[in-house]
Protein backbone atom coordinates (compact mmCIF):
# COMPACT_ATOMS: atom_id res chain seq x y z
CA MET A 1 -132.88 -34.83 4.85
CA SER A 2 -130.19 -37.51 4.89
CA LEU A 3 -130.74 -41.25 5.27
CA CYS A 4 -127.22 -41.82 6.64
CA LEU A 5 -126.71 -43.40 10.06
CA PRO A 6 -126.77 -40.83 12.89
CA GLY A 7 -123.54 -38.85 12.87
CA LEU A 8 -122.36 -40.19 9.51
CA ASP A 9 -123.92 -37.36 7.53
CA ASP A 10 -122.13 -34.86 9.77
CA TYR A 11 -118.87 -36.66 9.02
CA LEU A 12 -119.45 -36.58 5.27
CA LEU A 13 -120.27 -32.88 5.36
CA SER A 14 -117.23 -32.13 7.51
CA MET A 15 -114.98 -33.66 4.85
CA LEU A 16 -116.18 -31.35 2.08
CA PRO A 17 -113.93 -28.47 1.00
CA GLU A 18 -115.14 -24.95 1.64
CA ARG A 19 -117.77 -23.78 -0.86
CA ASN A 20 -117.70 -20.39 -2.51
CA PRO A 21 -119.42 -17.58 -0.57
CA VAL A 22 -122.52 -17.52 -2.77
CA LEU A 23 -123.23 -21.22 -2.24
CA ARG A 24 -122.71 -20.82 1.52
CA LYS A 25 -125.13 -17.90 1.53
CA MET A 26 -127.73 -19.97 -0.35
CA GLU A 27 -127.34 -22.84 2.12
CA ALA A 28 -128.02 -20.47 5.02
CA VAL A 29 -131.09 -19.01 3.30
CA ALA A 30 -132.40 -22.50 2.50
CA ARG A 31 -132.07 -23.54 6.15
CA GLU A 32 -133.76 -20.39 7.38
CA ARG A 33 -136.66 -20.52 4.90
CA ARG A 34 -136.86 -24.34 4.71
CA ILE A 35 -136.26 -24.33 0.98
CA PRO A 36 -135.38 -27.82 -0.29
CA ILE A 37 -131.94 -27.87 -1.94
CA VAL A 38 -129.67 -30.79 -2.82
CA GLY A 39 -127.00 -29.72 -0.33
CA PRO A 40 -123.23 -29.59 -0.80
CA ALA A 41 -122.54 -33.34 -0.96
CA VAL A 42 -124.98 -33.89 -3.84
CA GLY A 43 -123.94 -30.59 -5.41
CA ARG A 44 -120.35 -31.79 -5.50
CA LEU A 45 -121.49 -35.09 -7.04
CA LEU A 46 -123.35 -33.24 -9.79
CA ALA A 47 -120.33 -31.09 -10.51
CA GLN A 48 -118.07 -34.12 -10.73
CA TYR A 49 -120.33 -35.84 -13.28
CA VAL A 50 -120.45 -32.65 -15.36
CA ARG A 51 -116.65 -32.47 -15.43
CA LEU A 52 -116.16 -36.19 -16.08
CA MET A 53 -118.40 -36.29 -19.17
CA PRO A 54 -117.78 -33.37 -19.85
CA ALA A 55 -121.32 -31.93 -20.06
CA ARG A 56 -121.80 -28.62 -21.82
CA ARG A 57 -125.57 -28.50 -22.42
CA ILE A 58 -127.59 -29.15 -19.25
CA PHE A 59 -131.31 -28.92 -18.48
CA GLU A 60 -132.52 -28.73 -14.90
CA LEU A 61 -136.10 -29.70 -14.10
CA GLY A 62 -137.08 -27.92 -10.90
CA SER A 63 -134.43 -25.42 -9.79
CA ALA A 64 -135.96 -23.58 -6.77
CA ILE A 65 -133.52 -20.76 -5.85
CA GLY A 66 -130.81 -22.10 -8.16
CA TYR A 67 -128.47 -23.82 -5.71
CA SER A 68 -127.89 -26.93 -7.84
CA THR A 69 -127.88 -24.70 -10.94
CA LEU A 70 -124.78 -22.93 -9.66
CA TRP A 71 -122.96 -26.22 -9.06
CA LEU A 72 -123.83 -27.34 -12.61
CA ALA A 73 -122.94 -24.04 -14.27
CA GLU A 74 -119.60 -23.66 -12.51
CA ALA A 75 -118.59 -27.18 -13.49
CA ALA A 76 -119.76 -26.79 -17.11
CA GLY A 77 -117.17 -24.09 -17.75
CA PRO A 78 -117.28 -20.97 -19.91
CA GLU A 79 -118.68 -22.86 -22.90
CA GLY A 80 -121.46 -24.45 -20.84
CA ARG A 81 -125.16 -23.64 -20.96
CA VAL A 82 -127.50 -24.57 -18.10
CA PHE A 83 -131.26 -24.14 -18.35
CA PHE A 84 -132.86 -23.21 -15.00
CA THR A 85 -136.59 -23.91 -14.61
CA ASP A 86 -139.02 -23.08 -11.83
CA GLY A 87 -142.70 -22.33 -11.60
CA SER A 88 -142.17 -19.38 -9.27
CA GLU A 89 -141.28 -15.94 -10.64
CA GLU A 90 -139.99 -15.05 -7.16
CA ASN A 91 -137.63 -18.04 -7.10
CA ALA A 92 -136.38 -17.11 -10.55
CA ARG A 93 -135.73 -13.52 -9.42
CA ILE A 94 -133.83 -14.66 -6.32
CA ALA A 95 -131.86 -17.21 -8.33
CA SER A 96 -130.92 -14.66 -10.97
CA ALA A 97 -129.46 -12.40 -8.30
CA TYR A 98 -127.33 -15.27 -6.98
CA PHE A 99 -126.17 -16.13 -10.50
CA ALA A 100 -125.08 -12.54 -11.05
CA GLU A 101 -123.30 -12.43 -7.70
CA ALA A 102 -121.40 -15.60 -8.58
CA GLY A 103 -120.47 -14.20 -12.01
CA LEU A 104 -122.19 -17.07 -13.83
CA SER A 105 -125.26 -15.41 -15.36
CA GLY A 106 -123.75 -15.76 -18.81
CA ARG A 107 -123.87 -19.56 -18.59
CA ILE A 108 -127.47 -19.83 -17.34
CA THR A 109 -130.80 -19.42 -19.14
CA VAL A 110 -133.60 -18.70 -16.63
CA LEU A 111 -137.01 -20.10 -17.60
CA THR A 112 -140.22 -19.89 -15.56
CA GLY A 113 -143.25 -22.13 -15.79
CA ASP A 114 -143.92 -25.86 -15.87
CA ALA A 115 -140.56 -27.63 -16.15
CA LEU A 116 -141.64 -30.30 -18.65
CA THR A 117 -143.43 -27.77 -20.83
CA LEU A 118 -140.28 -25.67 -20.86
CA LEU A 119 -138.25 -28.76 -21.78
CA ASP A 120 -140.60 -29.42 -24.69
CA GLN A 121 -140.17 -25.81 -25.83
CA THR A 122 -136.36 -25.88 -25.70
CA PRO A 123 -134.90 -27.42 -28.87
CA GLY A 124 -131.94 -29.75 -29.13
CA GLU A 125 -130.35 -32.61 -27.22
CA PHE A 126 -128.72 -32.38 -23.81
CA ASP A 127 -125.62 -33.90 -22.27
CA LEU A 128 -127.18 -34.02 -18.81
CA ILE A 129 -130.69 -33.60 -17.42
CA PHE A 130 -131.15 -33.13 -13.69
CA ASN A 131 -134.60 -33.97 -12.32
CA ASP A 132 -135.84 -32.46 -9.05
CA VAL A 133 -139.48 -31.56 -9.75
CA ASP A 134 -142.49 -32.33 -7.55
CA LYS A 135 -142.31 -36.03 -6.88
CA GLU A 136 -145.68 -36.95 -8.38
CA GLY A 137 -144.27 -35.72 -11.69
CA TYR A 138 -141.34 -38.17 -11.77
CA PRO A 139 -143.01 -40.81 -14.01
CA ALA A 140 -143.89 -38.14 -16.59
CA VAL A 141 -140.31 -36.86 -16.45
CA PHE A 142 -139.04 -40.37 -17.19
CA GLU A 143 -141.18 -40.55 -20.33
CA ARG A 144 -140.32 -37.10 -21.68
CA ALA A 145 -136.77 -36.38 -20.54
CA LEU A 146 -134.95 -39.52 -21.73
CA PRO A 147 -135.64 -38.89 -25.45
CA ARG A 148 -133.99 -35.46 -25.06
CA LEU A 149 -130.64 -36.89 -23.95
CA ARG A 150 -127.87 -37.62 -26.40
CA PRO A 151 -126.50 -41.19 -26.40
CA GLY A 152 -124.09 -41.38 -23.48
CA GLY A 153 -125.88 -38.55 -21.70
CA LEU A 154 -126.78 -38.65 -18.02
CA PHE A 155 -130.24 -38.47 -16.45
CA ILE A 156 -129.82 -37.70 -12.74
CA SER A 157 -132.69 -37.55 -10.25
CA ASP A 158 -132.79 -36.46 -6.60
CA ASN A 159 -134.88 -37.83 -3.69
CA VAL A 160 -135.29 -41.33 -5.13
CA LEU A 161 -135.22 -42.95 -1.66
CA TRP A 162 -137.84 -40.47 -0.46
CA ARG A 163 -137.11 -40.21 3.26
CA GLY A 164 -136.95 -43.95 3.62
CA ARG A 165 -140.63 -44.46 2.82
CA LEU A 166 -139.82 -47.02 0.14
CA ARG A 167 -139.05 -49.47 2.95
CA LEU A 168 -142.74 -49.49 3.87
CA PRO A 169 -145.36 -51.73 2.19
CA GLU A 170 -146.74 -50.37 -1.07
CA SER A 171 -150.19 -50.40 0.53
CA GLU A 172 -149.02 -47.49 2.70
CA ASP A 173 -147.81 -45.37 -0.22
CA ASP A 174 -149.10 -41.85 -0.66
CA ALA A 175 -149.18 -40.36 -4.17
CA GLU A 176 -145.60 -39.04 -4.01
CA THR A 177 -144.14 -42.29 -2.70
CA ALA A 178 -146.05 -44.34 -5.29
CA ALA A 179 -144.73 -42.06 -8.05
CA ILE A 180 -141.12 -42.44 -6.94
CA ARG A 181 -141.51 -46.20 -6.59
CA ALA A 182 -142.86 -46.38 -10.15
CA PHE A 183 -140.10 -44.08 -11.41
CA ASN A 184 -137.31 -46.18 -9.90
CA ALA A 185 -138.83 -49.36 -11.30
CA ALA A 186 -139.07 -47.80 -14.76
CA LEU A 187 -135.44 -46.68 -14.67
CA TYR A 188 -134.13 -50.12 -13.81
CA ALA A 189 -136.45 -51.88 -16.27
CA SER A 190 -135.59 -49.66 -19.23
CA PRO A 191 -133.23 -51.15 -21.83
CA ASP A 192 -132.33 -47.60 -22.89
CA VAL A 193 -130.43 -46.63 -19.75
CA GLU A 194 -127.90 -48.08 -17.34
CA THR A 195 -128.95 -47.04 -13.83
CA VAL A 196 -127.22 -46.83 -10.46
CA LEU A 197 -129.01 -45.62 -7.31
CA LEU A 198 -126.66 -43.92 -4.87
CA PRO A 199 -127.70 -43.76 -1.18
CA LEU A 200 -126.34 -40.25 -0.75
CA ARG A 201 -128.51 -37.89 1.28
CA ASP A 202 -132.09 -38.75 0.14
CA GLY A 203 -130.99 -40.95 -2.75
CA VAL A 204 -129.64 -39.99 -6.18
CA ALA A 205 -130.38 -42.03 -9.32
CA VAL A 206 -127.80 -41.78 -12.10
CA ALA A 207 -128.87 -43.24 -15.44
CA ARG A 208 -126.62 -43.26 -18.52
CA LYS A 209 -128.42 -43.35 -21.85
CA ILE A 210 -127.05 -46.26 -23.86
CA ARG A 211 -129.27 -46.01 -26.95
């Protein structure tokens, strides 16, 4: 879902260069099966941040069928390592097939189970952590993911405008909306990160760890 004015999202998508065949195939499958993916505009944003840093060690919290994983792994280059996480063995199997088809399996470690538990079990610091878990889990991700970033690393989160529901009074919040509202407030209040919220698609928060 995009929060752009009617027609503007179509314009933005029309400007994007052609994606590789595997990404296009995944986009078609996601539409058909209603699988939430970040889409090509956000995928391109993620790839650009990876290249600008450059990021070589990346952890993804909530990977679904691996669409954003492919964007991250391609941008990270041959020396990159991306950790895919999802609670579904079926999603992991489907994603692994796409990774092999794209020729990027060697850059991706596929992990199944609870994303934060898997993060706790994976040693070392990361250059970039991408957060796209179930929305009620966002506050817990804030507490546990930031310490795992190196200074100067990026913490990027999807869906932080949550279909426009943040415009409504807090008294109307459901559990997911309340969690995202608390997460955004924590990001901006933290002295440890410098945060920008980008109104692209459903909102992307980009926080740079400064200490």
